[in-house]
Structure formats: C-alpha cells, structure tokens
N, C-alpha and C. Protein backbone atom coordinates (compact mmCIF):
# COMPACT_ATOMS: atom_id res chain seq x y z
N UNK A 1 -118.33 105.68 22.14
CA UNK A 1 -117.72 104.46 23.02
C UNK A 1 -117.53 105.27 24.69
N UNK A 2 -117.91 104.87 25.55
CA UNK A 2 -117.69 105.46 27.14
C UNK A 2 -116.32 105.53 27.46
N UNK A 3 -115.83 106.28 28.45
CA UNK A 3 -114.61 106.15 28.91
C UNK A 3 -114.03 104.90 29.31
N UNK A 4 -114.93 104.02 30.19
CA UNK A 4 -114.71 102.72 30.48
C UNK A 4 -114.19 101.86 29.71
N UNK A 5 -114.66 101.80 28.43
CA UNK A 5 -114.78 100.88 27.29
C UNK A 5 -113.20 101.31 26.80
N UNK A 6 -113.11 102.66 26.43
CA UNK A 6 -111.95 102.94 25.93
C UNK A 6 -110.76 102.68 27.09
N UNK A 7 -110.82 102.76 28.35
CA UNK A 7 -109.92 102.50 29.08
C UNK A 7 -109.42 101.13 29.08
N UNK A 8 -110.72 100.31 29.06
CA UNK A 8 -110.42 98.71 29.05
C UNK A 8 -109.58 98.31 27.75
N UNK A 9 -109.97 98.95 26.46
CA UNK A 9 -109.22 98.55 25.43
C UNK A 9 -107.78 98.98 25.35
N UNK A 10 -107.47 100.15 26.06
CA UNK A 10 -106.12 100.60 26.05
C UNK A 10 -105.30 99.94 26.97
N UNK A 11 -106.03 99.24 28.12
CA UNK A 11 -105.10 98.46 28.98
C UNK A 11 -104.82 97.24 27.82
N UNK A 12 -105.83 96.79 27.28
CA UNK A 12 -105.60 95.46 26.52
C UNK A 12 -104.44 95.62 25.52
N UNK A 13 -104.78 96.65 24.94
CA UNK A 13 -103.71 97.04 23.74
C UNK A 13 -102.42 97.02 24.41
N UNK A 14 -102.19 97.82 25.60
CA UNK A 14 -100.88 98.04 26.23
C UNK A 14 -100.29 96.79 26.49
N UNK A 15 -101.13 95.71 27.06
CA UNK A 15 -100.49 94.62 27.36
C UNK A 15 -100.02 93.64 26.17
N UNK A 16 -100.68 93.81 25.31
CA UNK A 16 -100.48 93.10 23.84
C UNK A 16 -99.11 93.72 23.70
N UNK A 17 -98.75 94.88 23.82
CA UNK A 17 -97.68 95.61 23.11
C UNK A 17 -96.45 94.94 24.12
N UNK A 18 -96.58 95.13 25.44
CA UNK A 18 -95.78 94.69 26.30
C UNK A 18 -95.46 93.08 26.06
N UNK A 19 -96.43 92.40 25.80
CA UNK A 19 -96.04 90.77 25.56
C UNK A 19 -95.29 90.76 24.24
N UNK A 20 -95.51 91.55 23.28
CA UNK A 20 -94.80 91.44 21.94
C UNK A 20 -93.47 91.81 22.11
N UNK A 21 -93.21 92.90 22.74
CA UNK A 21 -91.64 93.47 23.31
C UNK A 21 -91.18 92.40 24.10
N UNK A 22 -91.66 91.72 25.16
CA UNK A 22 -91.13 90.81 25.81
C UNK A 22 -90.49 89.71 25.21
N UNK A 23 -91.72 89.04 24.26
CA UNK A 23 -91.34 87.84 23.42
C UNK A 23 -90.18 88.04 22.36
N UNK A 24 -90.22 89.37 21.85
CA UNK A 24 -89.06 89.56 20.90
C UNK A 24 -87.77 89.84 21.44
N UNK A 25 -87.64 90.17 22.60
CA UNK A 25 -86.56 90.39 23.42
C UNK A 25 -86.03 88.94 23.75
N UNK A 26 -86.90 88.28 24.16
CA UNK A 26 -86.29 86.63 24.46
C UNK A 26 -85.77 86.03 23.40
N UNK A 27 -86.48 86.14 22.22
CA UNK A 27 -86.14 85.66 21.31
C UNK A 27 -84.67 86.16 20.46
N UNK A 28 -84.39 87.43 20.50
CA UNK A 28 -83.33 88.23 20.08
C UNK A 28 -82.11 87.52 21.14
N UNK A 29 -82.40 87.74 22.37
CA UNK A 29 -81.08 87.10 23.10
C UNK A 29 -80.90 85.61 22.99
N UNK A 30 -81.87 84.76 23.01
CA UNK A 30 -81.79 83.30 22.60
C UNK A 30 -81.12 83.17 21.36
N UNK A 31 -81.43 83.78 20.31
CA UNK A 31 -80.79 83.64 19.08
C UNK A 31 -79.37 83.86 19.24
N UNK A 32 -78.99 85.35 19.74
CA UNK A 32 -77.86 85.53 19.86
C UNK A 32 -76.58 84.45 20.60
N UNK A 33 -77.35 83.91 21.74
CA UNK A 33 -76.38 82.80 22.39
C UNK A 33 -76.38 81.70 21.46
N UNK A 34 -77.48 81.34 20.69
CA UNK A 34 -77.13 80.03 19.87
C UNK A 34 -76.63 80.70 18.34
N UNK A 35 -75.99 81.87 18.14
CA UNK A 35 -75.54 82.20 17.08
C UNK A 35 -76.52 81.83 15.72
N UNK A 36 -77.65 82.32 15.88
CA UNK A 36 -78.48 82.14 14.85
C UNK A 36 -79.52 83.30 14.64
N UNK A 37 -79.94 83.47 13.70
CA UNK A 37 -80.94 84.65 13.44
C UNK A 37 -82.35 84.57 14.36
N UNK A 38 -82.74 85.50 14.62
CA UNK A 38 -84.01 85.49 15.50
C UNK A 38 -85.20 85.01 14.58
N UNK A 39 -86.35 84.40 15.14
CA UNK A 39 -87.42 83.63 14.43
C UNK A 39 -88.46 84.10 14.79
N UNK A 40 -89.55 84.43 14.09
CA UNK A 40 -90.93 84.90 14.31
C UNK A 40 -91.79 83.75 13.72
N UNK A 41 -92.55 83.01 14.66
CA UNK A 41 -93.39 81.87 14.12
C UNK A 41 -92.56 80.91 13.24
N UNK A 42 -91.23 81.00 13.54
CA UNK A 42 -90.45 79.91 13.01
C UNK A 42 -89.85 80.34 11.73
N UNK A 43 -90.11 81.65 11.34
CA UNK A 43 -89.27 82.40 10.04
C UNK A 43 -88.24 83.34 10.69
N UNK A 44 -87.27 83.41 9.77
CA UNK A 44 -86.20 84.21 9.99
C UNK A 44 -86.20 85.15 8.54
N UNK A 45 -85.61 86.32 8.83
CA UNK A 45 -85.28 87.12 7.61
C UNK A 45 -83.93 87.47 7.34
N UNK A 46 -83.73 87.59 6.22
CA UNK A 46 -82.07 87.77 5.91
C UNK A 46 -82.10 88.67 4.52
N UNK A 47 -80.83 89.50 4.70
CA UNK A 47 -80.51 90.28 3.56
C UNK A 47 -79.44 89.81 2.51
N UNK A 48 -79.75 90.02 1.33
CA UNK A 48 -79.12 89.40 0.21
C UNK A 48 -78.26 90.43 -0.14
N UNK A 49 -76.80 90.48 0.15
CA UNK A 49 -76.09 91.52 -0.23
C UNK A 49 -75.34 91.58 -1.75
N UNK A 50 -75.50 90.36 -2.39
CA UNK A 50 -74.71 90.26 -3.79
C UNK A 50 -75.76 89.66 -4.65
N UNK A 51 -75.37 89.52 -5.87
CA UNK A 51 -76.10 89.13 -6.95
C UNK A 51 -75.88 87.65 -7.19
N UNK A 52 -75.53 86.75 -6.06
CA UNK A 52 -75.00 85.50 -6.46
C UNK A 52 -76.22 84.51 -6.57
N UNK A 53 -77.36 84.90 -6.26
CA UNK A 53 -78.71 84.18 -6.61
C UNK A 53 -79.64 84.54 -7.58
N UNK A 54 -79.02 85.57 -8.37
CA UNK A 54 -79.91 85.94 -9.61
C UNK A 54 -80.04 85.11 -10.47
N UNK A 55 -81.18 85.04 -11.39
CA UNK A 55 -82.04 86.08 -11.34
C UNK A 55 -83.24 85.69 -10.27
N UNK A 56 -83.27 84.58 -9.57
CA UNK A 56 -84.29 84.38 -8.63
C UNK A 56 -84.50 85.47 -7.61
N UNK A 57 -83.16 85.62 -7.00
CA UNK A 57 -83.21 86.74 -5.64
C UNK A 57 -81.93 87.76 -6.11
N UNK A 58 -82.27 88.76 -6.17
CA UNK A 58 -81.36 89.85 -6.54
C UNK A 58 -80.87 90.57 -5.21
N UNK A 59 -79.62 91.17 -5.54
CA UNK A 59 -79.11 91.71 -4.54
C UNK A 59 -79.71 93.04 -3.95
N UNK A 60 -79.62 93.27 -2.51
CA UNK A 60 -80.41 94.49 -2.11
C UNK A 60 -81.94 93.77 -1.68
N UNK A 61 -82.22 92.53 -1.93
CA UNK A 61 -83.46 91.88 -1.66
C UNK A 61 -83.44 91.17 0.00
N UNK A 62 -84.62 91.12 0.70
CA UNK A 62 -84.57 90.61 1.87
C UNK A 62 -85.38 89.33 1.56
N UNK A 63 -85.04 88.19 2.10
CA UNK A 63 -85.84 86.87 1.99
C UNK A 63 -86.33 86.34 3.46
N UNK A 64 -87.33 85.67 3.42
CA UNK A 64 -87.53 85.04 4.78
C UNK A 64 -87.51 83.31 4.60
N UNK A 65 -87.05 82.78 5.52
CA UNK A 65 -87.07 81.15 5.70
C UNK A 65 -87.13 80.80 6.83
N UNK A 66 -87.52 79.50 6.86
CA UNK A 66 -87.63 78.76 8.10
C UNK A 66 -86.81 77.32 8.05
N UNK A 67 -86.70 76.97 9.35
CA UNK A 67 -85.75 75.69 9.76
C UNK A 67 -86.45 74.66 8.80
N UNK A 68 -85.97 73.67 8.30
CA UNK A 68 -86.84 72.39 7.94
C UNK A 68 -85.75 71.23 7.77
N UNK A 69 -86.44 70.49 7.50
CA UNK A 69 -85.44 68.86 7.21
C UNK A 69 -85.46 68.61 5.74
N UNK A 70 -84.22 67.98 5.43
CA UNK A 70 -84.05 67.65 3.95
C UNK A 70 -85.28 66.81 3.55
N UNK A 71 -85.96 66.09 4.22
CA UNK A 71 -87.06 65.33 3.53
C UNK A 71 -88.26 66.46 3.16
N UNK A 72 -88.16 67.52 3.67
CA UNK A 72 -89.38 68.53 3.52
C UNK A 72 -88.95 69.51 2.16
N UNK A 73 -87.91 69.38 1.76
CA UNK A 73 -87.25 70.05 0.55
C UNK A 73 -87.72 69.39 -0.65
N UNK A 74 -88.30 70.42 -1.65
CA UNK A 74 -88.86 69.85 -2.84
C UNK A 74 -88.02 70.24 -3.88
N UNK A 75 -87.95 69.83 -5.14
CA UNK A 75 -87.18 70.20 -6.36
C UNK A 75 -87.41 71.51 -6.84
N UNK A 76 -86.37 72.21 -6.99
CA UNK A 76 -86.52 73.88 -7.43
C UNK A 76 -86.83 74.69 -6.22
N UNK A 77 -86.76 74.11 -5.15
CA UNK A 77 -86.74 75.09 -4.05
C UNK A 77 -85.29 75.36 -3.72
N UNK A 78 -85.09 76.77 -3.12
CA UNK A 78 -83.77 77.10 -2.89
C UNK A 78 -83.41 76.95 -1.19
N UNK A 79 -82.32 76.56 -1.00
CA UNK A 79 -82.08 76.16 0.35
C UNK A 79 -80.88 77.17 1.03
N UNK A 80 -80.87 77.12 2.14
CA UNK A 80 -79.82 78.03 2.86
C UNK A 80 -79.25 77.06 3.95
N UNK A 81 -77.96 77.04 4.26
CA UNK A 81 -77.41 76.09 5.24
C UNK A 81 -76.25 77.07 5.87
N UNK A 82 -76.11 76.32 7.03
CA UNK A 82 -74.96 77.04 7.87
C UNK A 82 -73.89 75.93 7.78
N UNK A 83 -72.58 76.44 7.47
CA UNK A 83 -71.64 75.54 7.51
C UNK A 83 -71.27 75.39 8.89
N UNK A 84 -70.65 74.20 9.03
CA UNK A 84 -70.15 74.02 10.65
C UNK A 84 -68.73 74.23 10.91
N UNK A 85 -67.96 74.67 10.03
CA UNK A 85 -66.75 75.17 9.67
C UNK A 85 -66.45 76.55 10.37
C-alpha cells in the first residue's frame, strides 16, 4: 500500500474515532441530565451487585437492556423499572 492510501485510511479512521467520542460524550451528558443510564443503539448496561435475581442473574454480573413498552414484554422475561418515588 502506498503512502497516499495509508494517509487516507488513517484520516478515515481518525474521523471515525472522533465521531465515536463525540457521540458517546453527547449521550453521557444527555443521560446525566435525564437521570438515566447512557444508551448505545438503544441498549444500556447495568451491574448487578447482589444475588437478588439468582439463579438467572448472579451477583457481580453485567446485564444489558433496552427501553420498551409493556406490550412488548413476553412471559418469562425479566423487566427493570424505575420507581417514580
């Protein structure tokens, strides 16, 4: 690969990295203002500190989840909700 092609690919990779950092920063700031966890492609990640959901989810595990409506929830699925209190 010649130097010009390497330079173009380096530029493209740099722009993509900058866009990812900007997108992530905007999402983190937006989530903090709304008191919610950040989302990436609609999904959030959460740490499970206790064994309250064992045996399906053990303490120390990370879970990913997405915001949904009650109509989309199926039997045997685990739901997470935020209390309004």
